Amino acid sequence: MGIEWIRDLAIVVLGFGVTMVSVFIGILAFLLYRKLRPILDSVKATAETAEHISSTMKEEVCHPLAQLAAFIQGVRQAVSLFSGLARRKEGSRNG
C-alpha cells in the first residue's frame, strides 16, 4: 500500500461524496420547487388580476376624466378669450 493507493482512494471517496451531495441538493431543489409552485401560481394569478383591474380603471375612469378635463380646459380658454376681447372693446370705447 503506497501513497498512490491512498490518493486513488481519496479521489474515489471525494468523487462519491460530491456525487451524493449533488444528488441531495437536486432532490431538495425539486422538493422546494414542488412546495413553492402553488404559491408562485397564486402570485401570478394575483398579478394578472391586478393588471386587469388597472387596465379596466384606465379605460373606465382615467380616459373619461382626461376627456372631461380637456373639455373644461377648452371652455376656460374660450371664456378667457372672449372676456379678453370684450375688455379690449370696452377699453377702446372709453379711451
N, C-alpha and C. Protein backbone atom coordinates (compact mmCIF):
# COMPACT_ATOMS: atom_id res chain seq x y z
N MET A 1 0.85 -1.18 0.00
CA MET A 1 0.00 0.00 0.00
C MET A 1 0.88 1.23 0.00
N GLY A 2 0.89 1.87 -1.16
CA GLY A 2 1.70 3.07 -1.26
C GLY A 2 0.83 4.31 -1.23
N ILE A 3 1.49 5.40 -1.43
CA ILE A 3 0.79 6.68 -1.41
C ILE A 3 -0.17 6.81 -2.58
N GLU A 4 0.14 6.10 -3.69
CA GLU A 4 -0.75 6.15 -4.85
C GLU A 4 -2.11 5.55 -4.52
N TRP A 5 -2.10 4.45 -3.74
CA TRP A 5 -3.35 3.79 -3.38
C TRP A 5 -4.20 4.72 -2.50
N ILE A 6 -3.59 5.39 -1.56
CA ILE A 6 -4.30 6.33 -0.68
C ILE A 6 -4.85 7.50 -1.50
N ARG A 7 -4.05 7.97 -2.45
CA ARG A 7 -4.50 9.07 -3.32
C ARG A 7 -5.72 8.63 -4.12
N ASP A 8 -5.66 7.45 -4.72
CA ASP A 8 -6.78 6.93 -5.51
C ASP A 8 -8.02 6.73 -4.64
N LEU A 9 -7.82 6.21 -3.43
CA LEU A 9 -8.94 6.03 -2.51
C LEU A 9 -9.58 7.37 -2.15
N ALA A 10 -8.75 8.40 -1.90
CA ALA A 10 -9.27 9.73 -1.57
C ALA A 10 -10.06 10.32 -2.75
N ILE A 11 -9.55 10.10 -3.96
CA ILE A 11 -10.25 10.61 -5.15
C ILE A 11 -11.60 9.93 -5.30
N VAL A 12 -11.64 8.61 -5.10
CA VAL A 12 -12.90 7.87 -5.22
C VAL A 12 -13.88 8.30 -4.13
N VAL A 13 -13.42 8.40 -2.90
CA VAL A 13 -14.30 8.79 -1.79
C VAL A 13 -14.83 10.20 -2.00
N LEU A 14 -13.96 11.13 -2.38
CA LEU A 14 -14.40 12.51 -2.60
C LEU A 14 -15.35 12.60 -3.81
N GLY A 15 -15.06 11.85 -4.84
CA GLY A 15 -15.97 11.82 -6.00
C GLY A 15 -17.34 11.30 -5.63
N PHE A 16 -17.36 10.22 -4.84
CA PHE A 16 -18.63 9.67 -4.38
C PHE A 16 -19.36 10.67 -3.48
N GLY A 17 -18.63 11.33 -2.61
CA GLY A 17 -19.23 12.33 -1.71
C GLY A 17 -19.81 13.51 -2.49
N VAL A 18 -19.07 14.00 -3.47
CA VAL A 18 -19.56 15.12 -4.28
C VAL A 18 -20.80 14.71 -5.06
N THR A 19 -20.80 13.48 -5.58
CA THR A 19 -21.97 12.98 -6.30
C THR A 19 -23.18 12.89 -5.39
N MET A 20 -23.00 12.38 -4.20
CA MET A 20 -24.11 12.26 -3.24
C MET A 20 -24.63 13.63 -2.83
N VAL A 21 -23.74 14.57 -2.59
CA VAL A 21 -24.17 15.92 -2.22
C VAL A 21 -24.92 16.57 -3.38
N SER A 22 -24.46 16.37 -4.61
CA SER A 22 -25.14 16.94 -5.77
C SER A 22 -26.54 16.36 -5.93
N VAL A 23 -26.67 15.05 -5.74
CA VAL A 23 -27.99 14.42 -5.82
C VAL A 23 -28.89 14.93 -4.70
N PHE A 24 -28.36 15.07 -3.51
CA PHE A 24 -29.13 15.57 -2.37
C PHE A 24 -29.62 17.00 -2.63
N ILE A 25 -28.74 17.85 -3.14
CA ILE A 25 -29.14 19.24 -3.44
C ILE A 25 -30.20 19.26 -4.54
N GLY A 26 -30.05 18.39 -5.53
CA GLY A 26 -31.05 18.31 -6.59
C GLY A 26 -32.41 17.89 -6.06
N ILE A 27 -32.43 16.91 -5.18
CA ILE A 27 -33.69 16.46 -4.58
C ILE A 27 -34.30 17.57 -3.74
N LEU A 28 -33.49 18.25 -2.95
CA LEU A 28 -34.00 19.37 -2.14
C LEU A 28 -34.57 20.48 -3.02
N ALA A 29 -33.89 20.78 -4.11
CA ALA A 29 -34.38 21.83 -5.01
C ALA A 29 -35.71 21.42 -5.63
N PHE A 30 -35.84 20.16 -6.02
CA PHE A 30 -37.09 19.68 -6.60
C PHE A 30 -38.22 19.74 -5.58
N LEU A 31 -37.95 19.31 -4.35
CA LEU A 31 -38.98 19.36 -3.31
C LEU A 31 -39.38 20.80 -2.99
N LEU A 32 -38.40 21.68 -2.94
CA LEU A 32 -38.69 23.09 -2.69
C LEU A 32 -39.53 23.68 -3.82
N TYR A 33 -39.21 23.30 -5.05
CA TYR A 33 -39.99 23.77 -6.20
C TYR A 33 -41.43 23.29 -6.10
N ARG A 34 -41.62 22.02 -5.72
CA ARG A 34 -42.98 21.49 -5.60
C ARG A 34 -43.76 22.19 -4.49
N LYS A 35 -43.07 22.59 -3.42
CA LYS A 35 -43.75 23.29 -2.33
C LYS A 35 -44.09 24.73 -2.72
N LEU A 36 -43.19 25.37 -3.47
CA LEU A 36 -43.39 26.77 -3.82
C LEU A 36 -44.24 26.98 -5.06
N ARG A 37 -44.44 25.94 -5.85
CA ARG A 37 -45.19 26.11 -7.10
C ARG A 37 -46.60 26.65 -6.88
N PRO A 38 -47.40 26.15 -5.92
CA PRO A 38 -48.73 26.73 -5.70
C PRO A 38 -48.66 28.21 -5.29
N ILE A 39 -47.66 28.54 -4.50
CA ILE A 39 -47.51 29.94 -4.09
C ILE A 39 -47.19 30.81 -5.30
N LEU A 40 -46.29 30.34 -6.15
CA LEU A 40 -45.93 31.09 -7.35
C LEU A 40 -47.12 31.23 -8.30
N ASP A 41 -47.91 30.17 -8.43
CA ASP A 41 -49.11 30.25 -9.26
C ASP A 41 -50.10 31.26 -8.70
N SER A 42 -50.24 31.29 -7.38
CA SER A 42 -51.14 32.24 -6.74
C SER A 42 -50.66 33.68 -6.95
N VAL A 43 -49.36 33.89 -6.83
CA VAL A 43 -48.81 35.23 -7.06
C VAL A 43 -49.02 35.66 -8.51
N LYS A 44 -48.84 34.73 -9.43
CA LYS A 44 -49.05 35.03 -10.85
C LYS A 44 -50.51 35.40 -11.10
N ALA A 45 -51.43 34.64 -10.53
CA ALA A 45 -52.86 34.93 -10.70
C ALA A 45 -53.21 36.29 -10.10
N THR A 46 -52.64 36.60 -8.94
CA THR A 46 -52.89 37.89 -8.30
C THR A 46 -52.36 39.04 -9.16
N ALA A 47 -51.19 38.85 -9.74
CA ALA A 47 -50.61 39.89 -10.60
C ALA A 47 -51.46 40.09 -11.84
N GLU A 48 -51.97 39.01 -12.42
CA GLU A 48 -52.84 39.14 -13.59
C GLU A 48 -54.14 39.85 -13.23
N THR A 49 -54.69 39.55 -12.05
CA THR A 49 -55.91 40.22 -11.61
C THR A 49 -55.66 41.72 -11.40
N ALA A 50 -54.55 42.05 -10.78
CA ALA A 50 -54.22 43.46 -10.57
C ALA A 50 -54.02 44.17 -11.90
N GLU A 51 -53.40 43.50 -12.86
CA GLU A 51 -53.21 44.10 -14.18
C GLU A 51 -54.56 44.32 -14.87
N HIS A 52 -55.46 43.37 -14.73
CA HIS A 52 -56.79 43.51 -15.33
C HIS A 52 -57.56 44.66 -14.68
N ILE A 53 -57.47 44.75 -13.36
CA ILE A 53 -58.17 45.83 -12.64
C ILE A 53 -57.62 47.19 -13.06
N SER A 54 -56.30 47.30 -13.16
CA SER A 54 -55.71 48.59 -13.52
C SER A 54 -56.05 48.97 -14.96
N SER A 55 -56.09 48.01 -15.86
CA SER A 55 -56.46 48.35 -17.24
C SER A 55 -57.92 48.75 -17.33
N THR A 56 -58.77 48.08 -16.55
CA THR A 56 -60.19 48.46 -16.52
C THR A 56 -60.37 49.85 -15.94
N MET A 57 -59.64 50.16 -14.86
CA MET A 57 -59.69 51.50 -14.27
C MET A 57 -59.26 52.55 -15.28
N LYS A 58 -58.21 52.24 -16.01
CA LYS A 58 -57.69 53.17 -17.00
C LYS A 58 -58.74 53.45 -18.07
N GLU A 59 -59.39 52.39 -18.55
CA GLU A 59 -60.38 52.56 -19.61
C GLU A 59 -61.66 53.22 -19.11
N GLU A 60 -62.10 52.86 -17.92
CA GLU A 60 -63.41 53.31 -17.43
C GLU A 60 -63.36 54.61 -16.64
N VAL A 61 -62.23 54.94 -16.04
CA VAL A 61 -62.17 56.13 -15.19
C VAL A 61 -61.22 57.18 -15.74
N CYS A 62 -60.01 56.78 -16.02
CA CYS A 62 -58.98 57.76 -16.39
C CYS A 62 -59.25 58.43 -17.73
N HIS A 63 -59.60 57.65 -18.73
CA HIS A 63 -59.85 58.24 -20.04
C HIS A 63 -61.03 59.23 -20.01
N PRO A 64 -62.18 58.86 -19.42
CA PRO A 64 -63.27 59.85 -19.36
C PRO A 64 -62.90 61.10 -18.55
N LEU A 65 -62.15 60.91 -17.45
CA LEU A 65 -61.74 62.08 -16.67
C LEU A 65 -60.78 62.97 -17.46
N ALA A 66 -59.90 62.36 -18.22
CA ALA A 66 -58.98 63.15 -19.05
C ALA A 66 -59.75 63.91 -20.13
N GLN A 67 -60.74 63.28 -20.73
CA GLN A 67 -61.56 63.96 -21.73
C GLN A 67 -62.34 65.11 -21.10
N LEU A 68 -62.89 64.88 -19.92
CA LEU A 68 -63.62 65.94 -19.22
C LEU A 68 -62.70 67.10 -18.87
N ALA A 69 -61.51 66.79 -18.38
CA ALA A 69 -60.56 67.85 -18.04
C ALA A 69 -60.15 68.63 -19.28
N ALA A 70 -59.96 67.95 -20.41
CA ALA A 70 -59.62 68.65 -21.65
C ALA A 70 -60.77 69.53 -22.10
N PHE A 71 -61.99 69.05 -21.97
CA PHE A 71 -63.15 69.86 -22.35
C PHE A 71 -63.27 71.10 -21.46
N ILE A 72 -63.10 70.92 -20.15
CA ILE A 72 -63.17 72.05 -19.22
C ILE A 72 -62.07 73.06 -19.52
N GLN A 73 -60.88 72.58 -19.82
CA GLN A 73 -59.78 73.49 -20.16
C GLN A 73 -60.10 74.26 -21.44
N GLY A 74 -60.69 73.60 -22.42
CA GLY A 74 -61.08 74.28 -23.65
C GLY A 74 -62.12 75.35 -23.39
N VAL A 75 -63.11 75.04 -22.54
CA VAL A 75 -64.14 76.03 -22.21
C VAL A 75 -63.51 77.21 -21.48
N ARG A 76 -62.59 76.95 -20.56
CA ARG A 76 -61.92 78.05 -19.85
C ARG A 76 -61.16 78.96 -20.80
N GLN A 77 -60.46 78.36 -21.75
CA GLN A 77 -59.70 79.16 -22.70
C GLN A 77 -60.63 79.97 -23.59
N ALA A 78 -61.76 79.36 -23.98
CA ALA A 78 -62.72 80.10 -24.80
C ALA A 78 -63.29 81.28 -24.02
N VAL A 79 -63.67 81.06 -22.77
CA VAL A 79 -64.21 82.14 -21.94
C VAL A 79 -63.15 83.22 -21.74
N SER A 80 -61.92 82.80 -21.50
CA SER A 80 -60.83 83.76 -21.33
C SER A 80 -60.62 84.57 -22.60
N LEU A 81 -60.68 83.92 -23.72
CA LEU A 81 -60.50 84.62 -25.00
C LEU A 81 -61.62 85.65 -25.21
N PHE A 82 -62.86 85.22 -25.02
CA PHE A 82 -63.98 86.14 -25.23
C PHE A 82 -64.00 87.27 -24.21
N SER A 83 -63.63 86.98 -22.97
CA SER A 83 -63.60 88.05 -21.97
C SER A 83 -62.46 89.02 -22.28
N GLY A 84 -61.35 88.52 -22.80
CA GLY A 84 -60.25 89.40 -23.20
C GLY A 84 -60.65 90.29 -24.36
N LEU A 85 -61.38 89.74 -25.31
CA LEU A 85 -61.85 90.55 -26.44
C LEU A 85 -62.86 91.60 -25.98
N ALA A 86 -63.74 91.22 -25.04
CA ALA A 86 -64.73 92.17 -24.53
C ALA A 86 -64.04 93.31 -23.79
N ARG A 87 -63.00 93.04 -23.05
CA ARG A 87 -62.29 94.09 -22.33
C ARG A 87 -61.61 95.05 -23.31
N ARG A 88 -61.05 94.53 -24.37
CA ARG A 88 -60.39 95.40 -25.36
C ARG A 88 -61.39 96.33 -26.03
N LYS A 89 -62.56 95.80 -26.35
CA LYS A 89 -63.59 96.65 -26.99
C LYS A 89 -64.04 97.73 -26.02
N GLU A 90 -64.20 97.39 -24.75
CA GLU A 90 -64.61 98.39 -23.76
C GLU A 90 -63.52 99.45 -23.59
N GLY A 91 -62.28 99.03 -23.57
CA GLY A 91 -61.17 99.96 -23.42
C GLY A 91 -61.07 100.91 -24.60
N SER A 92 -61.32 100.44 -25.78
CA SER A 92 -61.23 101.32 -26.95
C SER A 92 -62.40 102.29 -27.01
N ARG A 93 -63.58 101.93 -26.47
CA ARG A 93 -64.74 102.82 -26.46
C ARG A 93 -64.54 103.96 -25.46
N ASN A 94 -63.97 103.64 -24.31
CA ASN A 94 -63.81 104.63 -23.26
C ASN A 94 -62.60 105.54 -23.52
N GLY A 95 -61.65 105.10 -24.32
CA GLY A 95 -60.43 105.84 -24.50
C GLY A 95 -60.46 106.78 -25.56
